[in-house]
Protein backbone atom coordinates (compact mmCIF):
# COMPACT_ATOMS: atom_id res chain seq x y z
CA MET A 1 0.00 0.00 0.00
CA PRO A 2 2.69 2.65 0.72
CA THR A 3 3.74 4.61 -2.36
CA PHE A 4 7.29 3.34 -2.02
CA ASN A 5 9.19 1.06 0.30
CA PHE A 6 10.88 2.88 3.15
CA GLU A 7 11.60 2.42 6.82
CA PRO A 8 10.17 5.28 8.89
CA GLU A 9 12.24 6.62 11.75
CA TYR A 10 10.04 5.61 14.67
CA LEU A 11 9.82 7.59 17.87
CA ALA A 12 10.63 5.89 21.16
CA GLU A 13 7.83 5.41 23.69
CA LEU A 14 9.31 8.08 25.96
CA GLU A 15 9.41 10.59 23.10
CA CYS A 16 5.72 9.92 22.41
CA ALA A 17 4.86 10.25 26.10
CA ILE A 18 6.59 13.64 26.24
CA ILE A 19 4.74 14.77 23.11
CA ALA A 20 1.43 13.72 24.71
CA SER A 21 2.21 15.69 27.86
CA ARG A 22 3.25 18.78 25.92
CA GLN A 23 0.12 18.66 23.78
CA MET A 24 -2.16 18.28 26.79
CA LEU A 25 -0.91 21.47 28.45
CA SER A 26 -3.10 23.78 26.39
CA PHE A 27 -6.13 21.48 26.80
CA ILE A 28 -6.04 21.26 30.60
CA LEU A 29 -8.40 23.81 32.16
CA ASP A 30 -6.91 26.94 33.65
CA PRO A 31 -6.05 25.99 37.26
CA ASP A 32 -7.67 29.24 38.45
CA ALA A 33 -10.98 28.50 36.70
CA ASP A 34 -13.91 26.87 38.45
CA PRO A 35 -15.08 24.09 36.08
CA GLU A 36 -18.62 24.45 37.39
CA SER A 37 -18.75 28.08 36.26
CA LEU A 38 -17.61 27.37 32.70
CA PRO A 39 -20.05 26.92 29.81
CA LYS A 40 -21.05 23.29 29.42
CA ASN A 41 -19.31 21.95 26.34
CA PRO A 42 -16.59 19.38 25.58
CA TRP A 43 -13.85 22.03 25.72
CA ASN A 44 -14.65 22.53 29.41
CA ASP A 45 -15.02 18.94 30.57
CA PRO A 46 -14.24 18.73 34.32
CA LEU A 47 -12.09 15.69 33.51
CA LEU A 48 -9.68 18.19 31.92
CA SER A 49 -8.98 19.87 35.25
CA LEU A 50 -5.89 19.17 37.35
CA ASN A 51 -8.25 18.10 40.13
CA ALA A 52 -9.27 15.14 37.97
CA LEU A 53 -5.77 13.66 38.15
CA PRO A 54 -5.42 10.90 40.73
CA GLU A 55 -2.23 10.79 42.74
CA GLY A 56 -0.97 7.79 40.79
CA ALA A 57 -1.10 9.68 37.48
CA ILE A 58 1.87 11.88 38.31
CA ASP A 59 5.41 10.90 37.37
CA ASP A 60 8.77 12.33 38.39
CA GLY A 61 10.19 11.62 34.93
CA PRO A 62 10.43 13.95 31.91
CA ALA A 63 6.86 13.25 30.74
CA LEU A 64 5.34 14.33 34.12
CA PHE A 65 2.39 11.94 33.62
CA LYS A 66 2.28 8.15 33.81
CA TRP A 67 1.13 7.39 30.29
CA ARG A 68 0.40 3.84 29.18
CA SER A 69 1.58 3.28 25.61
CA GLN A 70 -0.27 1.17 23.03
CA ASP A 71 1.24 0.54 19.58
CA ILE A 72 -1.08 0.71 16.58
CA TYR A 73 0.12 -0.40 13.13
CA ASP A 74 -1.18 -0.05 9.60
CA VAL A 75 -2.08 -3.14 7.59
CA ASP A 76 1.39 -3.20 6.00
CA GLY A 77 3.05 -3.62 9.37
CA LEU A 78 4.33 -0.05 9.70
CA LEU A 79 4.02 1.45 13.18
CA LEU A 80 1.44 4.20 12.81
CA PHE A 81 0.47 5.54 16.24
CA ARG A 82 1.59 5.21 19.82
CA ASP A 83 -1.57 5.86 21.81
CA GLN A 84 -0.81 7.42 25.18
CA ALA A 85 -3.50 6.80 27.80
CA LEU A 86 -3.58 8.26 31.30
CA ASP A 87 -5.86 6.49 33.76
CA LEU A 88 -8.05 8.96 35.68
CA GLY A 89 -9.82 6.26 37.66
CA SER A 90 -13.56 5.48 37.64
CA GLY A 91 -13.27 4.18 34.08
CA ASN A 92 -12.10 7.50 32.60
CA GLU A 93 -8.90 8.47 30.84
CA TRP A 94 -7.02 11.04 28.82
CA ARG A 95 -5.95 9.54 25.48
CA VAL A 96 -3.56 11.21 23.06
CA ARG A 97 -2.99 9.54 19.70
CA VAL A 98 0.64 10.36 18.90
CA ALA A 99 2.10 9.76 15.45
CA ALA A 100 4.89 7.19 15.57
CA SER A 101 6.95 8.64 12.73
CA ASP A 102 8.06 12.10 11.63
CA VAL A 103 6.84 11.56 8.06
CA LEU A 104 3.26 11.71 9.36
CA ARG A 105 3.55 15.52 9.37
CA THR A 106 1.95 16.22 12.73
CA PRO A 107 2.99 14.81 16.12
CA VAL A 108 -0.56 14.40 17.46
CA LYS A 109 -3.62 13.13 15.64
CA CYS A 110 -6.36 13.48 18.24
CA ILE A 111 -7.20 13.87 21.92
CA ARG A 112 -10.01 12.12 23.77
CA VAL A 113 -11.15 12.70 27.32
CA GLY A 114 -13.75 10.47 28.91
CA PRO A 115 -14.60 6.77 29.11
CA SER A 116 -11.63 4.48 28.67
CA LEU A 117 -11.27 2.78 25.30
CA ASN A 118 -9.68 -0.38 26.75
CA LEU A 119 -8.10 -1.24 23.38
CA GLU A 120 -6.13 -4.09 24.91
CA GLU A 121 -9.27 -5.67 26.35
CA LEU A 122 -11.19 -5.24 23.11
CA ALA A 123 -8.33 -6.86 21.17
CA ALA A 124 -8.21 -9.76 23.65
CA ASP A 125 -11.97 -10.27 23.28
CA ALA A 126 -11.67 -10.25 19.49
CA ARG A 127 -8.83 -12.76 19.60
CA ALA A 128 -10.81 -15.03 21.93
CA GLU A 129 -13.73 -15.01 19.50
CA LEU A 130 -11.46 -15.89 16.57
CA GLU A 131 -9.87 -18.75 18.49
CA LYS A 132 -13.29 -20.33 18.98
CA SER A 133 -13.31 -21.14 15.28
CA ALA A 134 -11.15 -23.90 13.85
CA GLU A 135 -11.08 -22.01 10.54
CA LEU A 136 -9.74 -18.69 11.82
CA ALA A 137 -6.33 -17.86 13.26
CA PRO A 138 -5.15 -14.51 14.69
CA LEU A 139 -2.08 -13.31 12.78
CA THR A 140 0.99 -12.77 14.95
CA ILE A 141 4.28 -11.33 13.73
CA GLY A 142 7.60 -13.10 14.35
CA ASP A 143 8.05 -14.04 17.99
CA GLU A 144 5.30 -11.68 19.21
CA LYS A 145 2.77 -13.42 21.45
CA ASP A 146 0.04 -10.80 21.18
CA VAL A 147 -1.73 -9.80 18.00
CA ARG A 148 -1.10 -6.28 16.78
CA LEU A 149 -3.76 -3.63 16.69
CA VAL A 150 -4.09 -2.24 13.17
CA CYS A 151 -5.73 0.98 12.02
CA TYR A 152 -7.06 -0.17 8.68
CA ASN A 153 -9.28 2.85 8.02
CA TYR A 154 -9.03 5.78 10.40
CA PRO A 155 -10.40 5.76 13.08
CA ASN A 156 -11.36 2.08 12.81
CA ILE A 157 -9.09 -0.42 14.55
CA GLY A 158 -8.99 -4.20 14.41
CA ILE A 159 -6.76 -7.25 14.62
CA ARG A 160 -5.47 -9.21 11.64
CA TYR A 161 -6.27 -12.85 11.09
CA THR A 162 -6.06 -15.52 8.43
CA SER A 163 -8.68 -18.00 7.30
CA LEU A 164 -8.06 -21.65 6.45
CA THR A 165 -11.01 -21.68 4.05
CA GLN A 166 -10.77 -18.27 2.35
CA PRO A 167 -7.74 -16.87 0.51
CA GLY A 168 -6.34 -13.55 1.62
CA GLN A 169 -5.91 -11.71 4.91
CA PHE A 170 -8.55 -10.06 7.02
CA VAL A 171 -9.13 -7.59 9.83
CA SER A 172 -11.67 -8.15 12.57
CA ASP A 173 -12.89 -4.75 13.78
CA ILE A 174 -12.64 -4.69 17.58
CA ASP A 175 -15.58 -2.31 18.00
CA GLN A 176 -18.03 -3.31 15.31
CA GLN A 177 -17.18 -7.03 15.12
CA ARG A 178 -17.20 -6.84 11.36
CA VAL A 179 -14.74 -8.42 8.96
CA VAL A 180 -12.79 -6.53 6.32
CA GLN A 181 -10.63 -8.21 3.69
CA ILE A 182 -7.48 -6.09 3.52
CA ASP A 183 -6.00 -7.47 0.31
CA SER A 184 -9.13 -7.57 -1.80
CA LEU A 185 -8.98 -6.03 -5.26
CA GLY A 186 -12.76 -5.91 -5.52
CA LEU A 187 -13.57 -2.93 -3.30
CA ASP A 188 -17.14 -1.67 -3.28
CA ASP A 189 -17.85 1.08 -5.81
CA ASN A 190 -19.50 3.05 -3.03
CA PRO A 191 -17.12 5.93 -2.17
CA GLU A 192 -17.97 5.54 1.52
CA SER A 193 -17.54 1.80 1.56
CA ILE A 194 -16.67 0.43 5.00
CA THR A 195 -14.33 -1.95 3.19
CA THR A 196 -11.99 0.88 2.20
CA VAL A 197 -8.49 0.13 3.50
CA TRP A 198 -5.90 2.88 3.63
CA SER A 199 -3.02 4.23 5.68
CA PRO A 200 -1.58 7.74 6.14
CA TYR A 201 1.69 6.26 4.91
CA ASP A 202 0.06 5.78 1.50
CA ILE A 203 0.47 9.47 0.70
CA VAL A 204 4.21 9.45 1.48
CA ALA A 205 6.38 9.52 -1.65
CA ARG A 206 10.09 10.10 -2.11
CA SER A 207 9.38 13.65 -3.22
CA THR A 208 7.35 14.44 -0.10
CA VAL A 209 9.49 12.93 2.66
CA SER A 210 11.61 16.03 3.35
CA TYR A 211 8.56 18.31 3.13
CA PHE A 212 6.52 16.15 5.51
CA ARG A 213 9.40 16.10 7.96
CA SER A 214 9.66 19.88 7.81
CA LEU A 215 5.96 20.11 8.67
CA TRP A 216 6.61 17.77 11.59
CA GLU A 217 9.47 19.91 12.87
CA ARG A 218 7.39 23.07 12.60
CA LYS A 219 4.50 21.58 14.53
CA MET A 220 6.80 20.05 17.11
CA ALA A 221 8.22 23.52 17.72
CA LEU A 222 4.69 24.82 18.34
CA LEU A 223 3.97 22.31 21.13
CA PRO A 224 4.02 23.91 24.61
CA SER A 225 7.15 23.36 26.67
CA LEU A 226 6.98 21.09 29.69
CA PRO A 227 8.12 22.40 33.07
CA ASP A 228 10.89 20.55 34.88
CA SER A 229 8.67 19.65 37.82
CA PHE A 230 5.00 19.00 38.52
CA SER A 231 4.87 21.93 40.96
CA LYS A 232 5.42 24.29 38.02
CA LEU A 233 2.65 22.71 35.96
CA PRO A 234 -0.10 25.27 36.77
CA ALA A 235 2.07 28.12 35.49
CA ALA A 236 2.98 26.11 32.37
CA ILE A 237 -0.71 25.43 31.68
CA LYS A 238 -1.57 29.13 31.89
CA LEU A 239 1.26 29.94 29.49
CA ALA A 240 0.24 27.18 27.05
CA ARG A 241 -3.37 28.37 26.99
CA LEU A 242 -2.19 31.72 25.62
CA SER A 243 -1.67 29.94 22.29
CA ILE A 244 -5.43 29.45 21.86
CA GLU A 245 -6.77 32.02 19.42
CA ASP A 246 -10.35 30.80 19.25
CA ALA A 247 -12.34 27.77 20.38
CA GLN A 248 -16.04 27.54 19.57
CA PRO A 249 -18.60 24.73 19.79
CA THR A 250 -22.05 25.02 18.29
CA ARG A 251 -24.69 26.69 20.43
CA PRO A 252 -25.96 24.57 22.10
CA PRO A 253 -23.29 21.88 21.82
CA LEU A 254 -24.19 18.88 19.71
CA THR A 255 -25.61 15.85 21.47
CA LEU A 256 -23.73 12.64 20.68
CA ILE A 257 -26.02 10.05 19.10
CA PRO A 258 -24.33 6.66 18.64
CA GLN A 259 -25.33 4.60 15.65
CA VAL A 260 -27.31 1.43 16.15
CA GLY A 261 -26.95 -0.25 12.79
CA GLU A 262 -23.52 -1.49 11.75
CA LYS A 263 -23.47 0.47 8.47
CA ASN A 264 -25.41 3.53 9.66
CA CYS A 265 -22.69 6.05 10.52
CA ALA A 266 -24.06 8.49 7.91
CA ALA A 267 -27.63 8.15 9.21
CA ALA A 268 -26.59 8.64 12.84
CA THR A 269 -24.43 11.64 11.87
CA ALA A 270 -27.40 13.19 10.06
CA ARG A 271 -29.53 12.64 13.18
CA MET A 272 -27.07 14.61 15.30
CA ILE A 273 -27.14 17.51 12.87
CA LEU A 274 -30.92 17.46 12.41
CA ASN A 275 -31.43 17.42 16.20
CA HIS A 276 -29.43 20.64 16.40
CA TYR A 277 -32.22 22.26 14.36
CA GLY A 278 -35.02 20.70 16.41
CA LYS A 279 -35.74 18.02 13.80
CA ASP A 280 -35.52 14.28 14.18
CA LYS A 281 -36.01 11.14 12.18
CA PRO A 282 -35.22 7.61 13.36
CA GLU A 283 -31.92 6.18 12.24
CA THR A 284 -33.72 3.41 10.36
CA VAL A 285 -35.72 5.98 8.35
CA LEU A 286 -32.62 8.00 7.51
CA ALA A 287 -30.67 4.88 6.58
CA SER A 288 -33.47 3.76 4.28
CA LEU A 289 -33.72 7.16 2.58
CA MET A 290 -29.94 7.13 2.12
CA ASN A 291 -30.18 3.71 0.45
CA THR A 292 -27.65 2.40 2.96
CA ARG A 293 -26.07 -0.87 1.87
CA ASP A 294 -23.18 -3.05 3.02
CA GLY A 295 -20.79 -0.30 1.99
CA GLY A 296 -22.69 2.47 3.78
CA ALA A 297 -24.34 5.40 2.00
CA THR A 298 -22.97 7.52 -0.82
CA PRO A 299 -22.52 11.28 -0.24
CA GLU A 300 -25.08 11.98 -2.96
CA ALA A 301 -27.66 9.77 -1.25
CA GLN A 302 -27.00 11.50 2.07
CA VAL A 303 -27.57 14.92 0.55
CA ASN A 304 -30.71 13.83 -1.29
CA ALA A 305 -32.17 12.21 1.83
CA ILE A 306 -31.81 15.35 3.97
CA ASN A 307 -33.17 17.59 1.21
CA SER A 308 -36.19 15.32 0.69
CA LEU A 309 -37.12 15.40 4.36
CA PHE A 310 -37.31 19.12 5.04
CA PRO A 311 -37.73 21.01 1.74
CA GLY A 312 -37.76 24.76 2.26
CA VAL A 313 -36.58 24.31 5.86
CA LEU A 314 -33.11 22.73 5.71
CA THR A 315 -30.80 22.43 2.73
CA ALA A 316 -27.89 20.01 2.46
CA THR A 317 -24.98 20.97 0.19
CA PRO A 318 -21.93 18.83 -0.65
CA ASP A 319 -18.35 20.10 -0.72
CA THR A 320 -15.76 17.81 -2.31
CA SER A 321 -12.77 20.10 -1.60
CA PRO A 322 -13.13 20.98 2.08
CA ASP A 323 -10.72 23.08 4.09
CA PHE A 324 -10.54 24.12 7.72
CA ASP A 325 -11.71 27.70 7.15
CA GLU A 326 -14.94 26.42 5.67
CA ALA A 327 -15.60 24.26 8.71
CA ARG A 328 -14.75 27.20 10.96
CA ASP A 329 -17.19 29.48 9.13
CA GLU A 330 -19.98 26.91 9.43
CA ILE A 331 -19.51 26.56 13.19
CA LEU A 332 -19.37 30.34 13.64
CA ALA A 333 -22.69 30.45 11.78
CA ASN A 334 -23.93 27.78 14.23
CA HIS A 335 -24.23 25.14 11.52
CA PRO A 336 -22.81 21.71 12.44
CA LEU A 337 -21.63 19.73 9.43
CA ARG A 338 -20.87 16.23 8.26
CA THR A 339 -17.31 15.19 7.43
CA ALA A 340 -16.20 11.89 5.92
CA SER A 341 -12.87 10.16 6.11
CA PRO A 342 -12.45 7.35 3.58
CA GLY A 343 -15.21 5.03 4.66
CA HIS A 344 -16.71 6.81 7.65
CA ALA A 345 -19.09 9.72 8.34
CA ARG A 346 -18.88 11.86 11.48
CA ALA A 347 -20.31 15.17 12.70
CA VAL A 348 -18.28 18.33 13.32
CA GLY A 349 -19.60 20.33 16.26
CA GLY A 350 -16.82 22.82 16.95
CA PHE A 351 -13.36 24.08 16.09
CA ARG A 352 -10.25 25.34 17.82
CA SER A 353 -7.49 27.54 16.38
CA GLU A 354 -4.06 28.04 17.90
CA LEU A 355 -1.10 30.24 17.07
CA GLY A 356 1.01 28.94 14.22
CA GLU A 357 -1.88 27.60 12.12
CA VAL A 358 -2.61 24.66 14.41
CA ASP A 359 -6.28 23.87 13.91
CA TRP A 360 -8.60 21.32 15.49
CA LEU A 361 -12.10 20.02 14.80
CA LEU A 362 -14.47 18.83 17.52
CA ILE A 363 -15.63 15.45 16.21
CA TYR A 364 -18.78 13.59 17.23
CA ASP A 365 -18.28 10.02 16.06
CA PRO A 366 -21.35 7.73 15.99
CA GLU A 367 -19.07 4.69 16.24
CA PRO A 368 -18.77 2.39 18.03
CA ALA A 369 -22.40 1.36 17.92
CA HIS A 370 -24.40 2.13 21.07
CA LYS A 371 -21.49 4.16 22.49
CA GLY A 372 -20.08 6.75 20.10
CA ARG A 373 -17.09 8.97 20.88
CA ILE A 374 -16.21 12.64 21.06
CA CYS A 375 -12.66 13.69 20.27
CA MET A 376 -10.62 16.74 19.36
CA GLU A 377 -8.90 16.00 16.05
CA ILE A 378 -6.16 18.05 14.46
CA TRP A 379 -7.02 19.29 10.98
CA ASP A 380 -5.48 17.18 8.23
CA ARG A 381 -6.96 17.34 4.75
CA GLU A 382 -6.19 13.68 4.04
CA PHE A 383 -8.54 12.57 6.80
CA HIS A 384 -11.47 14.64 5.51
CA ARG A 385 -12.45 13.67 1.99
CA ASP A 386 -15.62 15.75 1.78
CA PHE A 387 -18.07 17.86 3.81
CA ILE A 388 -21.84 18.10 3.76
CA TYR A 389 -23.24 21.41 5.01
CA VAL A 390 -26.77 21.52 6.45
CA ARG A 391 -28.18 25.03 6.70
CA PRO A 392 -31.56 26.64 7.28
CA SER A 393 -33.14 27.35 3.91
């Protein structure tokens, strides 16, 4: 899958932990602020306060926090992310998805605060299910005893396995318990097919390596500096927060609506946006109007479904060349929007801009089914293939 064969220069776990700590500084609430007095939105989650840190989360080392590292690969075996998770107790965590290589352009992909993902447990459960079948075998690499987690289609993660009865290699999604063939040449024609398999390394070519690394260095330089001791952390947080130019959610903030059906990410995303305008249709109705199939729903069908429901009231408009400023303008106009990575639809309910052209989107993800997730994701054009705007007519 990668454009050419190369060996990325991987970051050590400690380097990734330090990056996670530096990135978190500007997201932690001002130590002088009372979380209860702040507007209720994901930017001001009480779990982002220093008071949320249990005593065991603090470290005397250079990263200041006791991160737990989890390696995530792409389907070609290249180390893609080193997830850094900090246990807050009571089933909650901070999670920073740190890029594992400097050719990935930006040191951090996203930040989540809230219920623990328990990736290790999910992977163990998936492996246990595979081992119940005499025809399926989890794929391990070399002398490794545990199966690797693979990000086969951001943000979807699974474990690789082989089948004794079917040719090829497969991924078992640890959230959705669906199977994706990762070496199939017969991908669905649907542009939002859940069977799409891709990696951020696919866009790396010989001609782009030095440029991508320069972007990495520039964004690394923009990360806040860590203090040399935890006692100096409050002052460092206040300094880091000065980098925030603007941070706006919709008014009121979107309500997360997890999908129910396995293929219904587009329908659930539309529900979140419609609810913002005081409208609602069941996921099953939206999925039917969008002609949702095994590969999901096409962007055209999503647009047509919304426009058929509320003519003269709400209008859906596609944008196949999205950029951050367009998303920012929509949120400032109080219009949440739909974004799609290859194979997956999600809602955008806010943005954040920092000095040095560091931009974030507030993402409401309807997956996993019955749970959903909210995260703060750094803007990267490759992860956002197209937008759908929904505006009052």
